Amino acid sequence: MKDNFFVYSVGILAIVGILVCFIGYATNTLPMHTSKQTHAITTTAGKKKNCKCCAKRLERVRKANKDLLERNPILKKVLTTTEHATQ
């Protein structure tokens, strides 16, 4: 008699577990289905400087890029095709 009671108890627990998993999947309430909330961190934009150091750096970078494109025609071709594709 005790053996039958143990088997029935395990069977009922297994059925309840399967039903809980099925209901969880059906309603998308399982932890893997719930979305995690992320908080966006916003920063304020910095003030523009009135100095000429940034302009000098940008001019150097532009000159270096221009020189690189003039020396490497393959790179120039690839960059111009990707610019047309994105526009």
Protein backbone atom coordinates (compact mmCIF):
# COMPACT_ATOMS: atom_id res chain seq x y z
CA MET A 1 0.00 0.00 0.00
CA LYS A 2 2.82 2.39 0.86
CA ASP A 3 4.50 1.58 -2.46
CA ASN A 4 1.37 2.57 -4.40
CA PHE A 5 1.04 5.81 -2.41
CA PHE A 6 4.67 6.74 -3.19
CA VAL A 7 4.25 6.02 -6.92
CA TYR A 8 1.02 8.04 -7.09
CA SER A 9 2.64 10.94 -5.23
CA VAL A 10 5.59 11.04 -7.64
CA GLY A 11 3.22 10.76 -10.61
CA ILE A 12 1.04 13.64 -9.38
CA LEU A 13 4.11 15.83 -8.75
CA ALA A 14 5.42 15.04 -12.24
CA ILE A 15 2.07 15.93 -13.85
CA VAL A 16 1.88 19.20 -11.87
CA GLY A 17 5.45 20.06 -12.90
CA ILE A 18 4.73 19.38 -16.56
CA LEU A 19 1.56 21.50 -16.40
CA VAL A 20 3.43 24.38 -14.78
CA CYS A 21 6.12 24.28 -17.49
CA PHE A 22 3.50 24.09 -20.24
CA ILE A 23 1.54 27.04 -18.84
CA GLY A 24 4.77 29.02 -18.42
CA TYR A 25 5.79 28.44 -22.03
CA ALA A 26 2.28 29.10 -23.32
CA THR A 27 2.02 32.46 -21.54
CA ASN A 28 5.71 33.50 -21.94
CA THR A 29 6.05 34.13 -18.21
CA LEU A 30 9.15 32.06 -17.62
CA PRO A 31 12.28 33.98 -16.54
CA MET A 32 13.98 33.41 -19.91
CA HIS A 33 11.00 35.04 -21.68
CA THR A 34 10.71 38.12 -19.48
CA SER A 35 12.63 41.13 -20.72
CA LYS A 36 15.28 42.70 -18.56
CA GLN A 37 14.82 46.38 -17.95
CA THR A 38 17.82 48.50 -18.81
CA HIS A 39 18.20 52.08 -17.79
CA ALA A 40 19.64 54.38 -20.38
CA ILE A 41 22.36 56.69 -19.15
CA THR A 42 22.13 60.10 -20.69
CA THR A 43 24.86 62.68 -20.65
CA THR A 44 24.66 66.31 -21.47
CA ALA A 45 26.48 67.58 -24.52
CA GLY A 46 29.70 69.37 -23.77
CA LYS A 47 30.16 73.03 -24.54
CA LYS A 48 32.05 73.89 -27.69
CA LYS A 49 35.47 75.32 -27.19
CA ASN A 50 36.42 78.61 -28.73
CA CYS A 51 40.06 77.65 -29.10
CA LYS A 52 41.79 76.74 -32.36
CA CYS A 53 43.30 73.45 -31.11
CA CYS A 54 40.33 71.36 -32.23
CA ALA A 55 40.32 72.94 -35.66
CA LYS A 56 44.04 72.24 -36.02
CA ARG A 57 43.55 68.58 -35.07
CA LEU A 58 40.64 68.17 -37.46
CA GLU A 59 42.64 69.75 -40.26
CA ARG A 60 45.53 67.32 -39.60
CA VAL A 61 43.16 64.34 -39.64
CA ARG A 62 41.49 65.51 -42.85
CA LYS A 63 44.88 66.04 -44.49
CA ALA A 64 46.07 62.59 -43.38
CA ASN A 65 42.89 60.97 -44.73
CA LYS A 66 43.22 62.81 -48.03
CA ASP A 67 46.86 61.75 -48.37
CA LEU A 68 45.92 58.15 -47.58
CA LEU A 69 43.20 58.14 -50.24
CA GLU A 70 45.55 59.64 -52.82
CA ARG A 71 48.18 56.98 -52.13
CA ASN A 72 45.76 54.02 -52.14
CA PRO A 73 43.36 53.95 -55.12
CA ILE A 74 41.74 50.68 -54.03
CA LEU A 75 40.78 52.19 -50.68
CA LYS A 76 39.44 55.25 -52.45
CA LYS A 77 37.28 53.08 -54.70
CA VAL A 78 35.92 51.05 -51.78
CA LEU A 79 35.09 54.13 -49.72
CA THR A 80 33.36 55.91 -52.56
CA THR A 81 31.19 52.86 -53.33
CA THR A 82 30.16 52.51 -49.68
CA GLU A 83 29.32 56.23 -49.48
CA HIS A 84 26.98 55.89 -52.44
CA ALA A 85 25.40 52.78 -50.96
CA THR A 86 24.64 54.48 -47.62
CA GLN A 87 23.17 57.60 -49.14
